[in-house]
Amino acid sequence: MSEFIEHSPFPDSPVMPKLMPGEATIQFSCHKGISCFNACCKNIDISLTPYDILRLKKRLNITSGDFLVKYTFPYEMDNDGMAGVKFKPVEGGSACQFMTAEGCGVYEDRPTACRYYPVALLSMRKQNEFTEREAYAMVQEDHCKGHFEPRTITINDYRKEQGVEEYDDLAAGWRQLILKKKSAGPTIGKPSQRSLQLFFVACYDLDRFREFVVSPTFNDVYILDEALKQQIANDDVALMQFAFRLLRQVLFGEVSIDTKADAVDIRLARKKEREEKLDEIAAKVGPIEFTRVDPNDKYNIKD
C-alpha cells in the first residue's frame, strides 16, 4: 500500500490492516444495555470535519469561533502545519464534554468519527492521481463488547443506519484538499503562513470566514455573481463548499473563481486611503505617550 497516500478520520486508533469494501459484512451492535456503554466516550481522541463543526455549532446556537474555543483544540495534520481540529475533553479528564449517563448529549448531530465507529473510512489516492479511492477497516478496542453482539450488517447498510452518508458527502471537499496536499508533496511547496491561516478559518471557523468573504478586501479581488453572494451569505453549507473551492484555488492553483484584472491596483489604492485616514487622525490627536506600569500589563495611554 506504500504507493497510496491515505487519510483516515481515526489517525491514532487501532485499525486492523485488512481493507474491506462497502459490501462486506460486520458483526456489531451498540446499545444502552451493553456492559461497555459509554466507555468509548470516556477516553476520546476525535478529529472533527468542517461539517461536524457546522452541525454542532448550529445545535448549540453559538458561533463557530465560540465552539472552537470551548470544545476543541487544533493539531498539525502534516509537517507543513496544516491544521486539524479535535474534540477537547472535560477539564482535567479524558471524557467527551457531551457524554451523559443516558449516552451522547448531541446524538442527532454527533461527529463523523462517532457515527462510523467501529468502522474506519480510508480515503486513498495514488501519487499524482486525481481520483480518490475509498475502503473501510475495522477498529477493535479491548473495552468494546459490541463486536460480540449477535447482529450482522453490511458496512454500506451500517453507514445508512448511522446517517454517515450525508456527512461524508459534505466533507468530501475537505478530504480531497488533505489528500491532494499529501499526494502532491514537495511539488506544490510548503504553504505560506497566510495560506495555512486561511485553511484553518475557511474549514473550521465559518462565521469568521463569512465576514471575510463579504468584506471589501475579498470583493476587491474576486468576482462573485449576486446569486452566489446571497447563497453564501445565508447558507452555511453553501459557504463551506465555497470555502473548499477557494482553498483549491489558493493552495493548488485550480482556478474556478474569477478575479478582477485590476485587483492589485484596487488593493493598493484602498491601502493608501486607509493610511491617509490614519495620518489625518494622528495629526488631530497629536503625539501619544505610552508607559508600561508592569511587564504583564497592557500599554496605558497618558493624556
C-alpha atoms as a PDB file:
ATOM      1  CA  MET A   1       0.000   0.000   0.000  1.00  0.00           C
ATOM      2  CA  SER A   2       3.023   2.311   0.013  1.00  0.00           C
ATOM      3  CA  GLU A   3       2.089   3.729  -3.410  1.00  0.00           C
ATOM      4  CA  PHE A   4      -1.081   5.195  -1.888  1.00  0.00           C
ATOM      5  CA  ILE A   5      -1.500   8.390   0.091  1.00  0.00           C
ATOM      6  CA  GLU A   6      -4.077   7.713   2.760  1.00  0.00           C
ATOM      7  CA  HIS A   7      -6.278   9.750   5.071  1.00  0.00           C
ATOM      8  CA  SER A   8      -8.221   8.260   7.951  1.00  0.00           C
ATOM      9  CA  PRO A   9     -10.594  10.048  10.326  1.00  0.00           C
ATOM     10  CA  PHE A  10      -9.140   7.790  13.058  1.00  0.00           C
ATOM     11  CA  PRO A  11      -5.388   8.545  12.798  1.00  0.00           C
ATOM     12  CA  ASP A  12      -4.421   7.075  16.183  1.00  0.00           C
ATOM     13  CA  SER A  13      -6.950   4.249  16.520  1.00  0.00           C
ATOM     14  CA  PRO A  14      -6.068   0.530  16.444  1.00  0.00           C
ATOM     15  CA  VAL A  15      -7.286  -0.004  12.893  1.00  0.00           C
ATOM     16  CA  MET A  16      -6.937  -3.512  11.567  1.00  0.00           C
ATOM     17  CA  PRO A  17      -4.846  -3.503   8.356  1.00  0.00           C
ATOM     18  CA  LYS A  18      -7.304  -5.543   6.290  1.00  0.00           C
ATOM     19  CA  LEU A  19      -9.251  -3.290   3.920  1.00  0.00           C
ATOM     20  CA  MET A  20     -12.887  -4.112   3.212  1.00  0.00           C
ATOM     21  CA  PRO A  21     -15.414  -2.981   0.581  1.00  0.00           C
ATOM     22  CA  GLY A  22     -18.761  -1.460   1.480  1.00  0.00           C
ATOM     23  CA  GLU A  23     -20.471  -4.777   0.734  1.00  0.00           C
ATOM     24  CA  ALA A  24     -18.505  -6.535   3.479  1.00  0.00           C
ATOM     25  CA  THR A  25     -20.469  -7.827   6.476  1.00  0.00           C
ATOM     26  CA  ILE A  26     -19.531  -6.903  10.029  1.00  0.00           C
ATOM     27  CA  GLN A  27     -20.804  -8.109  13.393  1.00  0.00           C
ATOM     28  CA  PHE A  28     -21.542  -5.206  15.707  1.00  0.00           C
ATOM     29  CA  SER A  29     -24.204  -3.510  17.803  1.00  0.00           C
ATOM     30  CA  CYS A  30     -24.072  -0.742  20.411  1.00  0.00           C
ATOM     31  CA  HIS A  31     -26.948  -0.017  22.805  1.00  0.00           C
ATOM     32  CA  LYS A  32     -27.588   1.242  26.317  1.00  0.00           C
ATOM     33  CA  GLY A  33     -27.854  -2.239  27.812  1.00  0.00           C
ATOM     34  CA  ILE A  34     -24.376  -3.343  26.742  1.00  0.00           C
ATOM     35  CA  SER A  35     -21.760  -3.573  29.535  1.00  0.00           C
ATOM     36  CA  CYS A  36     -19.318  -1.184  27.825  1.00  0.00           C
ATOM     37  CA  PHE A  37     -21.921   1.526  27.166  1.00  0.00           C
ATOM     38  CA  ASN A  38     -20.299   4.995  27.181  1.00  0.00           C
ATOM     39  CA  ALA A  39     -16.786   3.501  27.524  1.00  0.00           C
ATOM     40  CA  CYS A  40     -15.614   4.923  24.179  1.00  0.00           C
ATOM     41  CA  CYS A  41     -16.883   8.374  25.238  1.00  0.00           C
ATOM     42  CA  LYS A  42     -14.829   8.323  28.436  1.00  0.00           C
ATOM     43  CA  ASN A  43     -11.477   8.398  26.649  1.00  0.00           C
ATOM     44  CA  ILE A  44     -11.790  10.378  23.417  1.00  0.00           C
ATOM     45  CA  ASP A  45      -9.450  11.169  20.535  1.00  0.00           C
ATOM     46  CA  ILE A  46     -11.876  12.513  17.958  1.00  0.00           C
ATOM     47  CA  SER A  47     -10.916  14.538  14.899  1.00  0.00           C
ATOM     48  CA  LEU A  48     -13.655  16.802  13.572  1.00  0.00           C
ATOM     49  CA  THR A  49     -14.539  17.591   9.979  1.00  0.00           C
ATOM     50  CA  PRO A  50     -15.767  21.048   8.929  1.00  0.00           C
ATOM     51  CA  TYR A  51     -19.308  19.670   8.600  1.00  0.00           C
ATOM     52  CA  ASP A  52     -19.091  18.207  12.134  1.00  0.00           C
ATOM     53  CA  ILE A  53     -18.351  21.694  13.462  1.00  0.00           C
ATOM     54  CA  LEU A  54     -21.105  23.256  11.355  1.00  0.00           C
ATOM     55  CA  ARG A  55     -23.711  20.840  12.737  1.00  0.00           C
ATOM     56  CA  LEU A  56     -22.601  21.169  16.351  1.00  0.00           C
ATOM     57  CA  LYS A  57     -22.326  24.961  16.454  1.00  0.00           C
ATOM     58  CA  LYS A  58     -25.834  25.175  14.964  1.00  0.00           C
ATOM     59  CA  ARG A  59     -27.188  22.729  17.524  1.00  0.00           C
ATOM     60  CA  LEU A  60     -25.623  24.692  20.384  1.00  0.00           C
ATOM     61  CA  ASN A  61     -26.686  28.006  18.825  1.00  0.00           C
ATOM     62  CA  ILE A  62     -23.219  29.527  19.143  1.00  0.00           C
ATOM     63  CA  THR A  63     -20.706  30.924  16.668  1.00  0.00           C
ATOM     64  CA  SER A  64     -18.081  28.692  15.124  1.00  0.00           C
ATOM     65  CA  GLY A  65     -15.430  30.740  16.931  1.00  0.00           C
ATOM     66  CA  ASP A  66     -17.045  30.171  20.315  1.00  0.00           C
ATOM     67  CA  PHE A  67     -17.410  26.468  19.556  1.00  0.00           C
ATOM     68  CA  LEU A  68     -13.728  26.162  18.647  1.00  0.00           C
ATOM     69  CA  VAL A  69     -12.621  27.865  21.867  1.00  0.00           C
ATOM     70  CA  LYS A  70     -14.882  25.911  24.210  1.00  0.00           C
ATOM     71  CA  TYR A  71     -14.955  22.444  22.677  1.00  0.00           C
ATOM     72  CA  THR A  72     -11.843  21.906  20.529  1.00  0.00           C
ATOM     73  CA  PHE A  73      -8.094  22.229  20.186  1.00  0.00           C
ATOM     74  CA  PRO A  74      -6.019  22.354  16.972  1.00  0.00           C
ATOM     75  CA  TYR A  75      -3.312  19.899  15.923  1.00  0.00           C
ATOM     76  CA  GLU A  76      -0.984  19.603  12.940  1.00  0.00           C
ATOM     77  CA  MET A  77      -2.009  17.063  10.327  1.00  0.00           C
ATOM     78  CA  ASP A  78       1.329  17.207   8.498  1.00  0.00           C
ATOM     79  CA  ASN A  79       4.857  18.571   8.779  1.00  0.00           C
ATOM     80  CA  ASP A  80       3.870  21.776   6.972  1.00  0.00           C
ATOM     81  CA  GLY A  81       1.469  22.837   9.699  1.00  0.00           C
ATOM     82  CA  MET A  82      -1.859  22.084   8.001  1.00  0.00           C
ATOM     83  CA  ALA A  83      -4.289  22.184  10.899  1.00  0.00           C
ATOM     84  CA  GLY A  84      -6.878  19.734  12.031  1.00  0.00           C
ATOM     85  CA  VAL A  85      -9.259  20.093  14.964  1.00  0.00           C
ATOM     86  CA  LYS A  86     -10.026  17.619  17.747  1.00  0.00           C
ATOM     87  CA  PHE A  87     -12.624  17.493  20.496  1.00  0.00           C
ATOM     88  CA  LYS A  88     -11.395  18.933  23.789  1.00  0.00           C
ATOM     89  CA  PRO A  89     -12.241  16.542  26.657  1.00  0.00           C
ATOM     90  CA  VAL A  90     -13.620  17.630  30.008  1.00  0.00           C
ATOM     91  CA  GLU A  91     -11.261  19.719  32.090  1.00  0.00           C
ATOM     92  CA  GLY A  92      -8.767  17.520  33.900  1.00  0.00           C
ATOM     93  CA  GLY A  93     -10.046  14.346  32.265  1.00  0.00           C
ATOM     94  CA  SER A  94     -10.381  12.393  29.018  1.00  0.00           C
ATOM     95  CA  ALA A  95     -14.179  12.098  28.664  1.00  0.00           C
ATOM     96  CA  CYS A  96     -16.224  13.842  25.985  1.00  0.00           C
ATOM     97  CA  GLN A  97     -17.880  17.042  27.164  1.00  0.00           C
ATOM     98  CA  PHE A  98     -21.160  15.848  25.653  1.00  0.00           C
ATOM     99  CA  MET A  99     -21.263  12.465  27.402  1.00  0.00           C
ATOM    100  CA  THR A 100     -24.209  11.887  29.733  1.00  0.00           C
ATOM    101  CA  ALA A 101     -25.395   8.870  31.729  1.00  0.00           C
ATOM    102  CA  GLU A 102     -28.008   8.309  29.024  1.00  0.00           C
ATOM    103  CA  GLY A 103     -25.416   8.417  26.236  1.00  0.00           C
ATOM    104  CA  CYS A 104     -24.429  11.149  23.806  1.00  0.00           C
ATOM    105  CA  GLY A 105     -25.971  14.528  24.619  1.00  0.00           C
ATOM    106  CA  VAL A 106     -25.730  15.661  20.966  1.00  0.00           C
ATOM    107  CA  TYR A 107     -26.537  12.291  19.395  1.00  0.00           C
ATOM    108  CA  GLU A 108     -28.509  13.625  16.411  1.00  0.00           C
ATOM    109  CA  ASP A 109     -25.551  15.857  15.492  1.00  0.00           C
ATOM    110  CA  ARG A 110     -22.689  13.645  16.674  1.00  0.00           C
ATOM    111  CA  PRO A 111     -19.452  13.808  14.649  1.00  0.00           C
ATOM    112  CA  THR A 112     -18.495  11.602  11.727  1.00  0.00           C
ATOM    113  CA  ALA A 113     -15.976   9.565  13.744  1.00  0.00           C
ATOM    114  CA  CYS A 114     -18.628   8.694  16.335  1.00  0.00           C
ATOM    115  CA  ARG A 115     -21.103   7.667  13.643  1.00  0.00           C
ATOM    116  CA  TYR A 116     -18.583   5.418  11.896  1.00  0.00           C
ATOM    117  CA  TYR A 117     -17.298   3.595  14.962  1.00  0.00           C
ATOM    118  CA  PRO A 118     -16.160   0.793  14.852  1.00  0.00           C
ATOM    119  CA  VAL A 119     -15.614   1.238  11.109  1.00  0.00           C
ATOM    120  CA  ALA A 120     -12.811   3.426   9.744  1.00  0.00           C
ATOM    121  CA  LEU A 121     -13.139   5.192   6.404  1.00  0.00           C
ATOM    122  CA  LEU A 122      -9.858   5.240   4.483  1.00  0.00           C
ATOM    123  CA  SER A 123      -9.630   7.698   1.590  1.00  0.00           C
ATOM    124  CA  MET A 124      -6.691   6.902  -0.669  1.00  0.00           C
ATOM    125  CA  ARG A 125      -5.125   8.366  -3.795  1.00  0.00           C
ATOM    126  CA  LYS A 126      -2.131   7.208  -5.808  1.00  0.00           C
ATOM    127  CA  GLN A 127       0.728   9.643  -6.205  1.00  0.00           C
ATOM    128  CA  ASN A 128      -0.275  12.334  -8.757  1.00  0.00           C
ATOM    129  CA  GLU A 129      -3.676  10.675  -9.307  1.00  0.00           C
ATOM    130  CA  PHE A 130      -6.790  12.869  -9.463  1.00  0.00           C
ATOM    131  CA  THR A 131      -9.410  10.423  -8.194  1.00  0.00           C
ATOM    132  CA  GLU A 132      -9.658   9.083  -4.676  1.00  0.00           C
ATOM    133  CA  ARG A 133     -10.492   5.547  -3.651  1.00  0.00           C
ATOM    134  CA  GLU A 134     -12.394   4.629  -0.547  1.00  0.00           C
ATOM    135  CA  ALA A 135     -12.145   1.495   1.560  1.00  0.00           C
ATOM    136  CA  TYR A 136     -13.025   0.533   5.106  1.00  0.00           C
ATOM    137  CA  ALA A 137     -11.315  -1.159   8.015  1.00  0.00           C
ATOM    138  CA  MET A 138     -12.360  -2.260  11.478  1.00  0.00           C
ATOM    139  CA  VAL A 139     -11.403  -0.552  14.730  1.00  0.00           C
ATOM    140  CA  GLN A 140     -11.153  -3.099  17.528  1.00  0.00           C
ATOM    141  CA  GLU A 141     -10.525  -1.977  21.086  1.00  0.00           C
ATOM    142  CA  ASP A 142     -10.427  -4.249  24.108  1.00  0.00           C
ATOM    143  CA  HIS A 143     -13.156  -2.412  26.004  1.00  0.00           C
ATOM    144  CA  CYS A 144     -15.715  -2.684  23.175  1.00  0.00           C
ATOM    145  CA  LYS A 145     -18.154  -5.599  23.550  1.00  0.00           C
ATOM    146  CA  GLY A 146     -20.256  -4.562  20.576  1.00  0.00           C
ATOM    147  CA  HIS A 147     -18.296  -6.954  18.353  1.00  0.00           C
ATOM    148  CA  PHE A 148     -19.793  -9.891  20.263  1.00  0.00           C
ATOM    149  CA  GLU A 149     -23.420  -8.830  19.866  1.00  0.00           C
ATOM    150  CA  PRO A 150     -25.489 -11.220  17.685  1.00  0.00           C
ATOM    151  CA  ARG A 151     -26.132  -8.835  14.790  1.00  0.00           C
ATOM    152  CA  THR A 152     -24.610  -8.744  11.336  1.00  0.00           C
ATOM    153  CA  ILE A 153     -24.879  -5.882   8.852  1.00  0.00           C
ATOM    154  CA  THR A 154     -23.038  -4.737   5.741  1.00  0.00           C
ATOM    155  CA  ILE A 155     -20.833  -1.666   6.002  1.00  0.00           C
ATOM    156  CA  ASN A 156     -22.994   0.120   3.423  1.00  0.00           C
ATOM    157  CA  ASP A 157     -26.152  -0.538   5.456  1.00  0.00           C
ATOM    158  CA  TYR A 158     -24.371   0.436   8.663  1.00  0.00           C
ATOM    159  CA  ARG A 159     -23.393   3.769   7.095  1.00  0.00           C
ATOM    160  CA  LYS A 160     -27.022   4.392   6.130  1.00  0.00           C
ATOM    161  CA  GLU A 161     -28.222   3.409   9.589  1.00  0.00           C
ATOM    162  CA  GLN A 162     -25.793   5.813  11.262  1.00  0.00           C
ATOM    163  CA  GLY A 163     -26.594   8.690   8.893  1.00  0.00           C
ATOM    164  CA  VAL A 164     -22.993   8.962   7.807  1.00  0.00           C
ATOM    165  CA  GLU A 165     -23.577   9.279   4.066  1.00  0.00           C
ATOM    166  CA  GLU A 166     -24.576  12.946   4.302  1.00  0.00           C
ATOM    167  CA  TYR A 167     -21.559  13.656   6.492  1.00  0.00           C
ATOM    168  CA  ASP A 168     -19.210  12.012   4.002  1.00  0.00           C
ATOM    169  CA  ASP A 169     -20.706  13.835   1.033  1.00  0.00           C
ATOM    170  CA  LEU A 170     -20.388  17.231   2.701  1.00  0.00           C
ATOM    171  CA  ALA A 171     -16.849  16.604   3.966  1.00  0.00           C
ATOM    172  CA  ALA A 172     -15.603  15.213   0.649  1.00  0.00           C
ATOM    173  CA  GLY A 173     -14.164  18.563  -0.470  1.00  0.00           C
ATOM    174  CA  TRP A 174     -12.160  18.829   2.755  1.00  0.00           C
ATOM    175  CA  ARG A 175     -10.809  15.272   2.467  1.00  0.00           C
ATOM    176  CA  GLN A 176      -9.801  15.956  -1.140  1.00  0.00           C
ATOM    177  CA  LEU A 177      -7.817  19.021  -0.053  1.00  0.00           C
ATOM    178  CA  ILE A 178      -5.907  16.957   2.510  1.00  0.00           C
ATOM    179  CA  LEU A 179      -5.286  14.098   0.083  1.00  0.00           C
ATOM    180  CA  LYS A 180      -4.147  16.440  -2.672  1.00  0.00           C
ATOM    181  CA  LYS A 181      -1.742  18.170  -0.316  1.00  0.00           C
ATOM    182  CA  LYS A 182      -0.289  14.821   0.776  1.00  0.00           C
ATOM    183  CA  SER A 183      -0.111  13.306  -2.711  1.00  0.00           C
ATOM    184  CA  ALA A 184       1.396  16.418  -4.318  1.00  0.00           C
ATOM    185  CA  GLY A 185       4.054  16.637  -1.620  1.00  0.00           C
ATOM    186  CA  PRO A 186       7.019  18.878  -2.466  1.00  0.00           C
ATOM    187  CA  THR A 187       5.700  19.655  -5.969  1.00  0.00           C
ATOM    188  CA  ILE A 188       3.453  22.385  -4.539  1.00  0.00           C
ATOM    189  CA  GLY A 189       5.905  23.515  -1.892  1.00  0.00           C
ATOM    190  CA  LYS A 190       5.175  24.488   1.682  1.00  0.00           C
ATOM    191  CA  PRO A 191       2.068  26.681   2.049  1.00  0.00           C
ATOM    192  CA  SER A 192       2.661  30.203   3.309  1.00  0.00           C
ATOM    193  CA  GLN A 193       1.621  31.126   6.827  1.00  0.00           C
ATOM    194  CA  ARG A 194      -1.215  33.167   5.378  1.00  0.00           C
ATOM    195  CA  SER A 195      -2.443  30.175   3.339  1.00  0.00           C
ATOM    196  CA  LEU A 196      -2.365  27.969   6.443  1.00  0.00           C
ATOM    197  CA  GLN A 197      -4.361  30.561   8.356  1.00  0.00           C
ATOM    198  CA  LEU A 198      -6.883  30.754   5.523  1.00  0.00           C
ATOM    199  CA  PHE A 199      -7.186  26.957   5.539  1.00  0.00           C
ATOM    200  CA  PHE A 200      -7.999  26.950   9.254  1.00  0.00           C
ATOM    201  CA  VAL A 201     -10.549  29.774   9.099  1.00  0.00           C
ATOM    202  CA  ALA A 202     -12.213  28.563   5.885  1.00  0.00           C
ATOM    203  CA  CYS A 203     -12.552  24.984   7.115  1.00  0.00           C
ATOM    204  CA  TYR A 204     -13.354  25.390  10.795  1.00  0.00           C
ATOM    205  CA  ASP A 205     -14.408  28.975  11.605  1.00  0.00           C
ATOM    206  CA  LEU A 206     -17.184  29.526   9.071  1.00  0.00           C
ATOM    207  CA  ASP A 207     -18.669  32.586  10.754  1.00  0.00           C
ATOM    208  CA  ARG A 208     -15.351  34.421  10.569  1.00  0.00           C
ATOM    209  CA  PHE A 209     -14.836  33.174   7.007  1.00  0.00           C
ATOM    210  CA  ARG A 210     -18.205  34.659   6.038  1.00  0.00           C
ATOM    211  CA  GLU A 211     -17.098  38.030   7.401  1.00  0.00           C
ATOM    212  CA  PHE A 212     -14.012  37.782   5.190  1.00  0.00           C
ATOM    213  CA  VAL A 213     -15.965  36.806   2.051  1.00  0.00           C
ATOM    214  CA  VAL A 214     -18.391  39.744   2.352  1.00  0.00           C
ATOM    215  CA  SER A 215     -15.609  42.228   3.130  1.00  0.00           C
ATOM    216  CA  PRO A 216     -14.372  44.861   0.638  1.00  0.00           C
ATOM    217  CA  THR A 217     -10.916  43.239   0.787  1.00  0.00           C
ATOM    218  CA  PHE A 218     -12.268  39.997  -0.673  1.00  0.00           C
ATOM    219  CA  ASN A 219     -14.573  41.642  -3.192  1.00  0.00           C
ATOM    220  CA  ASP A 220     -11.776  43.876  -4.460  1.00  0.00           C
ATOM    221  CA  VAL A 221     -10.111  40.703  -5.747  1.00  0.00           C
ATOM    222  CA  TYR A 222     -12.777  38.104  -6.567  1.00  0.00           C
ATOM    223  CA  ILE A 223     -15.821  38.281  -8.834  1.00  0.00           C
ATOM    224  CA  LEU A 224     -18.950  36.593  -7.470  1.00  0.00           C
ATOM    225  CA  ASP A 225     -22.388  36.773  -9.046  1.00  0.00           C
ATOM    226  CA  GLU A 226     -25.243  38.070  -6.895  1.00  0.00           C
ATOM    227  CA  ALA A 227     -26.942  34.682  -6.613  1.00  0.00           C
ATOM    228  CA  LEU A 228     -23.790  33.108  -5.159  1.00  0.00           C
ATOM    229  CA  LYS A 229     -23.271  36.066  -2.819  1.00  0.00           C
ATOM    230  CA  GLN A 230     -26.779  35.618  -1.433  1.00  0.00           C
ATOM    231  CA  GLN A 231     -26.340  31.879  -1.097  1.00  0.00           C
ATOM    232  CA  ILE A 232     -23.082  32.003   0.863  1.00  0.00           C
ATOM    233  CA  ALA A 233     -24.391  34.876   2.976  1.00  0.00           C
ATOM    234  CA  ASN A 234     -27.365  32.810   4.195  1.00  0.00           C
ATOM    235  CA  ASP A 235     -26.445  29.135   3.874  1.00  0.00           C
ATOM    236  CA  ASP A 236     -23.634  27.625   5.959  1.00  0.00           C
ATOM    237  CA  VAL A 237     -23.352  24.508   3.784  1.00  0.00           C
ATOM    238  CA  ALA A 238     -23.033  26.599   0.612  1.00  0.00           C
ATOM    239  CA  LEU A 239     -20.437  28.764   2.367  1.00  0.00           C
ATOM    240  CA  MET A 240     -18.466  25.669   3.412  1.00  0.00           C
ATOM    241  CA  GLN A 241     -18.469  24.275  -0.131  1.00  0.00           C
ATOM    242  CA  PHE A 242     -17.345  27.668  -1.436  1.00  0.00           C
ATOM    243  CA  ALA A 243     -14.531  27.623   1.139  1.00  0.00           C
ATOM    244  CA  PHE A 244     -13.229  24.315  -0.247  1.00  0.00           C
ATOM    245  CA  ARG A 245     -13.407  25.758  -3.763  1.00  0.00           C
ATOM    246  CA  LEU A 246     -11.454  28.861  -2.755  1.00  0.00           C
ATOM    247  CA  LEU A 247      -8.819  26.753  -0.995  1.00  0.00           C
ATOM    248  CA  ARG A 248      -8.271  24.628  -4.094  1.00  0.00           C
ATOM    249  CA  GLN A 249      -7.622  27.847  -5.991  1.00  0.00           C
ATOM    250  CA  VAL A 250      -5.328  29.389  -3.369  1.00  0.00           C
ATOM    251  CA  LEU A 251      -3.372  26.243  -2.463  1.00  0.00           C
ATOM    252  CA  PHE A 252      -3.209  24.405  -5.789  1.00  0.00           C
ATOM    253  CA  GLY A 253      -3.944  26.971  -8.492  1.00  0.00           C
ATOM    254  CA  GLU A 254      -7.191  25.272  -9.577  1.00  0.00           C
ATOM    255  CA  VAL A 255      -8.919  28.422 -10.767  1.00  0.00           C
ATOM    256  CA  SER A 256     -12.731  28.360 -10.581  1.00  0.00           C
ATOM    257  CA  ILE A 257     -13.388  31.839  -9.157  1.00  0.00           C
ATOM    258  CA  ASP A 258     -12.740  34.795 -11.454  1.00  0.00           C
ATOM    259  CA  THR A 259     -10.523  37.611 -10.205  1.00  0.00           C
ATOM    260  CA  LYS A 260     -10.555  41.261 -11.196  1.00  0.00           C
ATOM    261  CA  ALA A 261      -7.862  42.321 -13.638  1.00  0.00           C
ATOM    262  CA  ASP A 262      -7.156  45.468 -11.624  1.00  0.00           C
ATOM    263  CA  ALA A 263      -7.312  43.733  -8.219  1.00  0.00           C
ATOM    264  CA  VAL A 264      -3.762  44.743  -7.263  1.00  0.00           C
ATOM    265  CA  ASP A 265      -4.348  48.396  -8.147  1.00  0.00           C
ATOM    266  CA  ILE A 266      -7.605  48.451  -6.180  1.00  0.00           C
ATOM    267  CA  ARG A 267      -5.975  46.941  -3.102  1.00  0.00           C
ATOM    268  CA  LEU A 268      -3.077  49.393  -3.251  1.00  0.00           C
ATOM    269  CA  ALA A 269      -5.493  52.319  -3.598  1.00  0.00           C
ATOM    270  CA  ARG A 270      -7.529  51.108  -0.632  1.00  0.00           C
ATOM    271  CA  LYS A 271      -4.356  50.683   1.427  1.00  0.00           C
ATOM    272  CA  LYS A 272      -3.270  54.222   0.543  1.00  0.00           C
ATOM    273  CA  GLU A 273      -6.717  55.537   1.503  1.00  0.00           C
ATOM    274  CA  ARG A 274      -6.507  53.825   4.895  1.00  0.00           C
ATOM    275  CA  GLU A 275      -3.039  55.220   5.502  1.00  0.00           C
ATOM    276  CA  GLU A 276      -4.176  58.748   4.618  1.00  0.00           C
ATOM    277  CA  LYS A 277      -7.073  58.486   7.068  1.00  0.00           C
ATOM    278  CA  LEU A 278      -4.716  57.270   9.794  1.00  0.00           C
ATOM    279  CA  ASP A 279      -2.417  60.220   9.067  1.00  0.00           C
ATOM    280  CA  GLU A 280      -5.376  62.605   9.431  1.00  0.00           C
ATOM    281  CA  ILE A 281      -6.345  61.057  12.771  1.00  0.00           C
ATOM    282  CA  ALA A 282      -2.764  61.168  14.021  1.00  0.00           C
ATOM    283  CA  ALA A 283      -2.460  64.845  13.068  1.00  0.00           C
ATOM    284  CA  LYS A 284      -5.609  65.709  15.045  1.00  0.00           C
ATOM    285  CA  VAL A 285      -4.788  63.628  18.105  1.00  0.00           C
ATOM    286  CA  GLY A 286      -1.131  64.586  18.335  1.00  0.00           C
ATOM    287  CA  PRO A 287       1.650  62.505  19.881  1.00  0.00           C
ATOM    288  CA  ILE A 288       0.606  59.697  22.248  1.00  0.00           C
ATOM    289  CA  GLU A 289       2.950  58.700  25.045  1.00  0.00           C
ATOM    290  CA  PHE A 290       2.989  55.090  26.171  1.00  0.00           C
ATOM    291  CA  THR A 291       4.233  53.796  29.509  1.00  0.00           C
ATOM    292  CA  ARG A 292       4.349  50.351  30.993  1.00  0.00           C
ATOM    293  CA  VAL A 293       3.413  50.047  34.630  1.00  0.00           C
ATOM    294  CA  ASP A 294       4.095  46.343  34.792  1.00  0.00           C
ATOM    295  CA  PRO A 295       5.629  43.908  32.225  1.00  0.00           C
ATOM    296  CA  ASN A 296       2.423  41.855  32.246  1.00  0.00           C
ATOM    297  CA  ASP A 297       0.089  44.853  31.827  1.00  0.00           C
ATOM    298  CA  LYS A 298      -1.162  46.264  28.551  1.00  0.00           C
ATOM    299  CA  TYR A 299       0.043  49.673  27.430  1.00  0.00           C
ATOM    300  CA  ASN A 300      -1.637  52.575  29.228  1.00  0.00           C
ATOM    301  CA  ILE A 301      -2.233  55.812  27.324  1.00  0.00           C
ATOM    302  CA  LYS A 302      -1.391  59.028  29.120  1.00  0.00           C
ATOM    303  CA  ASP A 303      -3.268  62.246  28.481  1.00  0.00           C
END
